[in-house]
Protein backbone atom coordinates (compact mmCIF):
# COMPACT_ATOMS: atom_id res chain seq x y z
CA UNK A 1 -12.32 7.10 75.18
CA UNK A 2 -11.47 10.72 75.47
CA UNK A 3 -7.76 11.41 74.97
CA UNK A 4 -5.95 14.72 75.16
CA UNK A 5 -2.55 14.83 73.85
CA UNK A 6 0.08 17.52 75.08
CA UNK A 7 3.55 17.31 73.67
CA UNK A 8 6.22 18.41 76.21
CA UNK A 9 9.07 19.70 73.92
CA UNK A 10 12.47 20.65 74.78
CA UNK A 11 16.16 19.57 74.12
CA UNK A 12 16.98 16.34 75.23
CA UNK A 13 20.10 16.15 77.17
CA UNK A 14 22.36 13.11 76.68
CA UNK A 15 24.82 12.91 79.36
CA UNK A 16 27.51 10.23 78.78
CA UNK A 17 28.35 7.90 81.49
CA UNK A 18 31.90 7.05 82.62
CA UNK A 19 32.81 4.15 80.52
CA UNK A 20 33.91 1.05 82.20
CA UNK A 21 36.54 -1.36 80.82
CA UNK A 22 33.82 -3.64 79.44
CA UNK A 23 32.38 -0.86 77.29
CA UNK A 24 34.97 1.59 76.52
CA UNK A 25 35.40 3.22 73.38
CA UNK A 26 37.28 1.21 70.79
CA UNK A 27 39.53 -0.22 73.49
CA UNK A 28 41.64 -3.39 73.28
CA UNK A 29 40.69 -6.20 75.33
CA UNK A 30 43.00 -7.77 77.90
CA UNK A 31 45.60 -10.16 76.55
CA UNK A 32 44.39 -13.32 75.56
CA UNK A 33 46.13 -16.78 74.64
CA UNK A 34 43.97 -16.90 71.51
CA UNK A 35 45.20 -14.95 68.42
CA UNK A 36 42.50 -12.28 67.39
CA UNK A 37 40.68 -13.17 64.16
CA UNK A 38 39.84 -9.35 63.72
CA UNK A 39 37.39 -7.24 65.39
CA UNK A 40 33.65 -6.59 65.41
CA UNK A 41 32.02 -3.48 66.81
CA UNK A 42 28.81 -2.34 68.60
CA UNK A 43 27.42 1.13 68.43
CA UNK A 44 24.59 2.45 70.45
CA UNK A 45 23.41 6.01 70.09
CA UNK A 46 24.44 6.86 73.48
CA UNK A 47 25.77 5.02 76.71
CA UNK A 48 23.59 7.01 79.12
CA UNK A 49 21.13 3.92 79.05
CA UNK A 50 22.30 1.71 81.81
CA UNK A 51 20.83 -1.66 80.22
CA UNK A 52 23.23 -0.99 77.03
CA UNK A 53 26.19 -0.72 79.28
CA UNK A 54 25.17 -4.17 80.91
CA UNK A 55 24.66 -5.67 77.57
CA UNK A 56 28.16 -4.54 76.32
CA UNK A 57 29.64 -6.11 79.43
CA UNK A 58 27.98 -9.46 78.76
CA UNK A 59 28.66 -9.29 75.01
CA UNK A 60 32.55 -8.52 75.34
CA UNK A 61 33.58 -11.95 77.08
CA UNK A 62 31.34 -13.99 74.19
CA UNK A 63 33.05 -12.34 71.37
CA UNK A 64 36.45 -12.43 72.83
CA UNK A 65 36.18 -16.11 73.67
CA UNK A 66 35.30 -16.48 69.91
CA UNK A 67 38.73 -14.87 69.09
CA UNK A 68 37.64 -11.37 68.15
CA UNK A 69 38.38 -8.10 69.38
CA UNK A 70 35.40 -6.38 70.84
CA UNK A 71 34.88 -2.54 69.98
CA UNK A 72 32.28 -0.06 71.13
CA UNK A 73 31.63 3.71 71.14
CA UNK A 74 29.75 6.35 72.65
CA UNK A 75 28.34 8.71 70.53
CA UNK A 76 26.55 10.67 73.15
CA UNK A 77 23.40 10.88 70.63
CA UNK A 78 25.46 13.00 68.20
CA UNK A 79 25.02 11.62 64.70
CA UNK A 80 28.21 13.12 63.25
CA UNK A 81 30.12 11.40 66.01
CA UNK A 82 28.68 8.03 65.24
CA UNK A 83 29.19 8.35 61.50
CA UNK A 84 32.88 9.20 62.34
CA UNK A 85 33.32 6.26 64.85
CA UNK A 86 32.09 3.85 62.09
CA UNK A 87 34.22 5.42 59.51
CA UNK A 88 37.22 4.83 61.76
CA UNK A 89 36.37 1.31 62.27
CA UNK A 90 35.96 0.70 58.45
CA UNK A 91 39.40 2.28 58.06
CA UNK A 92 41.14 -0.07 60.50
CA UNK A 93 40.92 -2.96 57.96
CA UNK A 94 40.23 -5.60 60.57
CA UNK A 95 36.69 -5.08 61.52
CA UNK A 96 34.46 -7.72 60.13
CA UNK A 97 31.20 -6.51 61.24
CA UNK A 98 29.36 -3.63 62.94
CA UNK A 99 25.98 -3.74 64.89
CA UNK A 100 24.26 -0.46 65.50
CA UNK A 101 21.48 1.42 67.06
CA UNK A 102 21.84 4.60 65.01
CA UNK A 103 21.09 8.24 66.28
CA UNK A 104 19.19 8.47 63.14
CA UNK A 105 18.73 5.24 60.95
CA UNK A 106 18.26 7.13 57.61
CA UNK A 107 21.36 9.00 58.07
CA UNK A 108 23.55 5.96 58.47
CA UNK A 109 22.65 4.58 54.84
CA UNK A 110 25.76 6.27 53.37
CA UNK A 111 28.29 5.04 55.92
CA UNK A 112 26.65 1.59 55.90
CA UNK A 113 27.39 1.55 52.11
CA UNK A 114 31.00 2.45 52.84
CA UNK A 115 31.23 -0.44 55.12
CA UNK A 116 29.65 -2.92 52.53
CA UNK A 117 32.18 -1.80 50.01
CA UNK A 118 34.99 -2.45 52.42
CA UNK A 119 33.79 -6.09 53.25
CA UNK A 120 32.23 -5.03 56.68
CA UNK A 121 28.74 -6.55 57.26
CA UNK A 122 26.29 -4.04 58.91
CA UNK A 123 23.91 -5.43 61.63
CA UNK A 124 20.79 -3.73 63.16
CA UNK A 125 19.91 -3.82 66.90
CA UNK A 126 16.10 -2.94 67.56
CA UNK A 127 15.65 -1.69 64.13
CA UNK A 128 16.78 -2.09 60.39
CA UNK A 129 17.66 0.53 57.70
CA UNK A 130 18.65 0.24 54.13
CA UNK A 131 22.03 -1.84 53.88
CA UNK A 132 21.66 -3.97 57.08
CA UNK A 133 22.12 -7.60 56.28
CA UNK A 134 20.30 -8.72 59.43
CA UNK A 135 19.17 -7.44 62.71
CA UNK A 136 18.29 -8.36 66.48
CA UNK A 137 14.93 -6.92 66.62
CA UNK A 138 12.72 -6.10 69.65
CA UNK A 139 8.93 -6.24 69.28
CA UNK A 140 8.72 -2.78 70.45
CA UNK A 141 5.29 -1.92 69.33
CA UNK A 142 3.73 -5.02 70.90
CA UNK A 143 5.87 -4.28 74.15
CA UNK A 144 4.48 -0.87 74.43
CA UNK A 145 0.83 -2.27 73.84
CA UNK A 146 1.34 -4.90 76.65
CA UNK A 147 2.52 -2.00 78.89
CA UNK A 148 -0.54 0.38 77.89
CA UNK A 149 -3.05 -2.56 78.44
CA UNK A 150 -1.54 -3.39 81.80
CA UNK A 151 -1.45 0.13 83.07
CA UNK A 152 -5.11 0.64 81.64
CA UNK A 153 -6.36 -2.26 83.41
CA UNK A 154 -4.86 -0.99 86.75
CA UNK A 155 -6.66 2.48 86.18
CA UNK A 156 -10.01 0.60 85.60
CA UNK A 157 -9.39 -1.73 88.68
CA UNK A 158 -8.45 1.05 91.12
CA UNK A 159 -11.05 3.82 89.77
CA UNK A 160 -10.11 6.82 87.80
CA UNK A 161 -10.09 10.13 90.12
CA UNK A 162 -11.66 12.00 87.22
CA UNK A 163 -13.52 11.34 83.88
CA UNK A 164 -9.96 11.58 82.20
CA UNK A 165 -7.32 10.01 84.37
CA UNK A 166 -4.15 12.10 83.82
CA UNK A 167 -1.52 10.07 82.45
CA UNK A 168 2.31 11.27 82.15
CA UNK A 169 3.88 9.40 79.01
CA UNK A 170 7.34 9.47 79.12
CA UNK A 171 8.23 8.59 75.61
CA UNK A 172 10.68 9.20 72.79
CA UNK A 173 9.90 9.69 69.07
CA UNK A 174 13.21 10.34 67.55
CA UNK A 175 14.19 6.81 67.07
CA UNK A 176 12.44 3.66 65.76
CA UNK A 177 12.62 1.83 69.14
CA UNK A 178 11.27 4.87 71.22
CA UNK A 179 8.65 5.78 68.57
CA UNK A 180 7.32 2.23 68.27
CA UNK A 181 7.15 1.78 72.06
CA UNK A 182 5.38 5.08 72.67
CA UNK A 183 2.85 4.60 69.96
CA UNK A 184 2.24 1.09 71.31
CA UNK A 185 1.80 2.48 74.73
CA UNK A 186 -0.85 4.85 73.56
CA UNK A 187 -2.58 2.00 71.56
CA UNK A 188 -2.50 -0.13 74.71
CA UNK A 189 -4.17 2.41 76.84
CA UNK A 190 -7.01 2.79 74.17
CA UNK A 191 -7.46 -0.86 73.91
CA UNK A 192 -7.89 -1.23 77.88
CA UNK A 193 -10.90 0.91 77.61
CA UNK A 194 -9.61 3.35 80.25
CA UNK A 195 -10.59 7.02 79.84
CA UNK A 196 -7.28 8.96 80.02
CA UNK A 197 -5.83 12.30 79.40
CA UNK A 198 -2.00 11.84 78.27
CA UNK A 199 0.75 14.45 78.51
CA UNK A 200 3.52 13.40 76.56
CA UNK A 201 7.09 14.01 77.41
CA UNK A 202 9.95 13.29 75.18
CA UNK A 203 12.88 11.76 77.28
CA UNK A 204 15.71 9.51 76.89
CA UNK A 205 17.51 9.47 80.01
CA UNK A 206 17.35 9.55 83.86
CA UNK A 207 17.76 13.33 84.15
CA UNK A 208 15.10 13.73 81.58
CA UNK A 209 12.75 11.49 83.41
CA UNK A 210 13.28 13.61 86.57
CA UNK A 211 12.72 16.85 84.82
CA UNK A 212 9.59 15.55 83.11
CA UNK A 213 8.04 14.51 86.25
CA UNK A 214 8.71 17.95 87.80
CA UNK A 215 7.15 19.35 84.92
CA UNK A 216 4.09 17.15 84.91
CA UNK A 217 3.51 17.74 88.54
CA UNK A 218 3.87 21.55 88.11
CA UNK A 219 1.29 21.49 85.44
CA UNK A 220 -1.00 18.50 86.40
CA UNK A 221 -0.42 17.96 90.23
CA UNK A 222 -2.86 15.15 90.60
CA UNK A 223 -1.07 13.07 88.20
CA UNK A 224 -1.18 9.38 89.60
CA UNK A 225 -0.39 7.41 86.44
CA UNK A 226 3.19 7.25 85.16
CA UNK A 227 4.34 5.21 82.16
CA UNK A 228 7.65 5.12 80.50
CA UNK A 229 9.10 3.78 77.28
CA UNK A 230 12.39 2.94 78.89
CA UNK A 231 14.05 2.29 82.50
CA UNK A 232 16.27 5.07 82.89
CA UNK A 233 13.38 7.98 82.37
CA UNK A 234 11.37 5.84 84.51
CA UNK A 235 13.89 5.81 87.41
CA UNK A 236 14.23 9.45 87.15
CA UNK A 237 10.45 10.14 87.38
CA UNK A 238 10.33 7.67 90.41
CA UNK A 239 13.04 9.67 92.13
CA UNK A 240 11.46 12.88 91.41
CA UNK A 241 8.03 11.52 92.83
CA UNK A 242 9.79 10.49 95.93
CA UNK A 243 11.52 13.96 96.19
CA UNK A 244 7.93 15.53 95.79
CA UNK A 245 7.02 13.57 98.83
CA UNK A 246 5.03 10.74 97.15
CA UNK A 247 4.83 7.71 99.49
CA UNK A 248 7.01 4.83 97.90
CA UNK A 249 4.13 2.54 98.94
CA UNK A 250 1.37 4.74 97.85
CA UNK A 251 -1.70 2.64 96.88
CA UNK A 252 -3.36 5.24 94.46
CA UNK A 253 -0.16 5.75 92.20
CA UNK A 254 1.29 3.48 89.62
CA UNK A 255 4.31 3.60 87.62
CA UNK A 256 5.02 1.18 84.63
CA UNK A 257 7.89 0.93 82.20
CA UNK A 258 9.75 -1.27 79.53
CA UNK A 259 13.26 -2.62 80.44
CA UNK A 260 14.72 -2.95 83.89
CA UNK A 261 17.98 -3.09 85.81
CA UNK A 262 19.14 -4.59 89.02
CA UNK A 263 18.15 -1.19 90.73
CA UNK A 264 14.75 -1.23 89.57
CA UNK A 265 14.31 -4.89 90.40
CA UNK A 266 15.14 -4.01 93.87
CA UNK A 267 12.52 -1.38 93.95
CA UNK A 268 9.83 -3.44 92.51
CA UNK A 269 10.53 -6.60 94.50
CA UNK A 270 8.61 -4.68 97.33
CA UNK A 271 5.04 -5.67 96.60
CA UNK A 272 3.73 -2.50 98.01
CA UNK A 273 5.91 -0.18 95.70
CA UNK A 274 3.88 2.04 93.59
CA UNK A 275 6.47 1.04 90.85
CA UNK A 276 3.97 -1.86 89.99
CA UNK A 277 4.29 -2.93 86.14
CA UNK A 278 7.48 -3.77 84.46
CA UNK A 279 7.87 -5.54 80.87
CA UNK A 280 11.44 -6.50 80.00
CA UNK A 281 13.93 -8.83 78.24
CA UNK A 282 16.87 -10.08 80.29
CA UNK A 283 20.23 -8.79 79.45
CA UNK A 284 21.14 -12.17 78.40
CA UNK A 285 18.23 -12.52 76.08
CA UNK A 286 19.57 -9.60 74.23
CA UNK A 287 23.46 -10.00 74.66
CA UNK A 288 23.65 -13.49 73.59
CA UNK A 289 21.98 -13.54 70.14
CA UNK A 290 23.61 -10.14 69.39
CA UNK A 291 27.24 -11.40 70.22
CA UNK A 292 26.38 -14.66 68.36
CA UNK A 293 25.08 -12.58 65.39
CA UNK A 294 28.34 -10.64 65.13
CA UNK A 295 30.53 -13.62 65.27
CA UNK A 296 28.39 -15.36 62.76
CA UNK A 297 28.75 -12.28 60.36
CA UNK A 298 32.64 -12.04 60.83
CA UNK A 299 32.83 -15.97 59.93
CA UNK A 300 30.72 -15.37 57.01
CA UNK A 301 27.67 -17.60 58.04
CA UNK A 302 24.20 -17.21 56.67
CA UNK A 303 22.40 -14.43 58.75
CA UNK A 304 18.56 -14.14 59.49
CA UNK A 305 16.67 -11.69 61.73
CA UNK A 306 16.04 -12.14 65.39
CA UNK A 307 12.86 -11.19 66.99
CA UNK A 308 12.56 -10.82 70.74
CA UNK A 309 9.60 -9.85 73.04
CA UNK A 310 9.65 -8.67 76.51
CA UNK A 311 7.67 -10.39 79.17
CA UNK A 312 5.99 -8.99 82.35
CA UNK A 313 8.12 -9.20 85.56
CA UNK A 314 6.27 -10.98 88.37
CA UNK A 315 7.26 -11.97 91.86
CA UNK A 316 7.47 -15.51 90.57
CA UNK A 317 10.23 -14.79 87.83
CA UNK A 318 11.72 -11.47 89.04
CA UNK A 319 14.93 -13.34 90.23
CA UNK A 320 15.57 -14.46 86.65
CA UNK A 321 15.92 -10.83 85.55
CA UNK A 322 18.82 -9.95 87.82
CA UNK A 323 22.01 -9.24 85.81
CA UNK A 324 25.10 -10.66 87.85
């Protein structure tokens, strides 16, 4: 297969969403008749990823029902902010466990050691680093491979418009999750046997996806294949394509991605939508084991890694992916 890689560079703009009560930084929960046993915390790199907000909203009640205060933050993809947030939690004295998706995993080793010295268990989400006791892992690379193979199969079935079908890859290489998914997508496209020319764009949120799609159309106007490592960049690209005049039911365009939201499910529920391929975990698939691992860590129970794999959203199972 002939492949041409072009890396679209540029600063990644991480715009923090307004925090809801379910996910506000280090906020106290509503009064409960159950006396608090202490606190546990979750720290994502930034809350401009919608599925993470949905996960926090579902995790909170599980943790609070177990008698713990539930804390979270929004570092807005700033490493020093995330480190400072963790140091503040450690200094509280009542935080039993922290689960994190670091802005940079290697750079969290020192604060992780601080946590251990203070008796705070550190857990990973989607990745592990030196000092983590256990993690809720996602099979990111294989998820990417599955998506790449599915998009490649669509290209072969529908016929390439050129010897090397232009493909816009909305990836991310600065975190373990993003890098593993992005590399997996490329591997999946290779496995499919489709002849493609890949242009890579580094994106993390909706605005990045919108801008990347505009840049792609300006550089390669005949791009029909769009593939994203995440839901928010995919949603941004989808809107950019509509704004560029692409028919939402175009039969020669394909958009595929990993992760979903209710908004995306509404779009792909139209069987004629060009947003054709989605692999995802359900919010509860993620939130429940994450909350339970935090509770188990707080109670000193034995911990072991959990591995989760996404599945393809189909007309038969789509209703099960909606987050109430």
